[in-house]
Amino acid sequence: MAYGNKVKLHYDIPVFIKKQLMEIAKKQKITATECLSRIIEEEYAKLKEEDRKTIL
């Protein structure tokens, strides 16, 4: 589902990971969805950077 410039994906996330996401999100005062989105964005940036380094 698209929401403006965001795409909503439905994940089948194990319960223990959901709990970890909720704990981290609570500390950062954001939602678990925002927390997961940030983690995915950070990992994507890392992979993109690694890919760029291997091309050079």
Protein backbone atom coordinates (compact mmCIF):
# COMPACT_ATOMS: atom_id res chain seq x y z
CA MET A 1 0.00 0.00 0.00
CA ALA A 2 1.34 3.42 -0.83
CA TYR A 3 1.06 6.36 1.55
CA GLY A 4 2.46 9.44 -0.17
CA ASN A 5 6.12 8.67 -0.68
CA LYS A 6 6.05 5.68 1.68
CA VAL A 7 5.19 2.09 0.94
CA LYS A 8 3.52 0.07 3.64
CA LEU A 9 4.70 -3.52 3.77
CA HIS A 10 3.15 -6.23 5.88
CA TYR A 11 5.76 -8.22 7.79
CA ASP A 12 5.40 -11.52 9.56
CA ILE A 13 7.64 -10.58 12.48
CA PRO A 14 8.33 -13.01 15.33
CA VAL A 15 6.91 -11.95 18.70
CA PHE A 16 10.32 -11.60 20.39
CA ILE A 17 11.46 -9.17 17.68
CA LYS A 18 8.24 -7.17 18.03
CA LYS A 19 8.93 -6.87 21.75
CA GLN A 20 12.47 -5.65 21.08
CA LEU A 21 11.19 -3.12 18.55
CA MET A 22 8.59 -1.85 21.02
CA GLU A 23 11.20 -1.47 23.77
CA ILE A 24 13.59 0.46 21.53
CA ALA A 25 10.78 2.58 20.12
CA LYS A 26 9.49 3.41 23.59
CA LYS A 27 12.95 4.63 24.64
CA GLN A 28 13.18 6.80 21.52
CA LYS A 29 9.56 7.96 21.88
CA ILE A 30 8.57 6.76 18.40
CA THR A 31 6.30 4.00 17.14
CA ALA A 32 7.57 0.48 16.52
CA THR A 33 6.77 0.96 12.83
CA GLU A 34 8.95 4.07 12.68
CA CYS A 35 11.70 2.18 14.49
CA LEU A 36 11.55 -0.68 12.00
CA SER A 37 11.54 1.77 9.10
CA ARG A 38 14.66 3.49 10.45
CA ILE A 39 16.45 0.18 10.89
CA ILE A 40 15.58 -0.86 7.34
CA GLU A 41 16.72 2.51 5.96
CA GLU A 42 20.03 2.29 7.86
CA GLU A 43 20.68 -1.24 6.64
CA TYR A 44 19.83 -0.26 3.08
CA ALA A 45 22.26 2.66 3.27
CA LYS A 46 25.00 0.34 4.59
CA LEU A 47 24.43 -2.18 1.80
CA LYS A 48 24.38 0.56 -0.82
CA GLU A 49 27.66 1.96 0.53
CA GLU A 50 29.28 -1.49 0.56
CA ASP A 51 28.11 -2.08 -3.00
CA ARG A 52 29.54 1.29 -4.06
CA LYS A 53 32.90 0.41 -2.48
CA THR A 54 33.08 -2.93 -4.30
CA ILE A 55 32.41 -1.22 -7.63
CA LEU A 56 35.33 1.16 -7.08
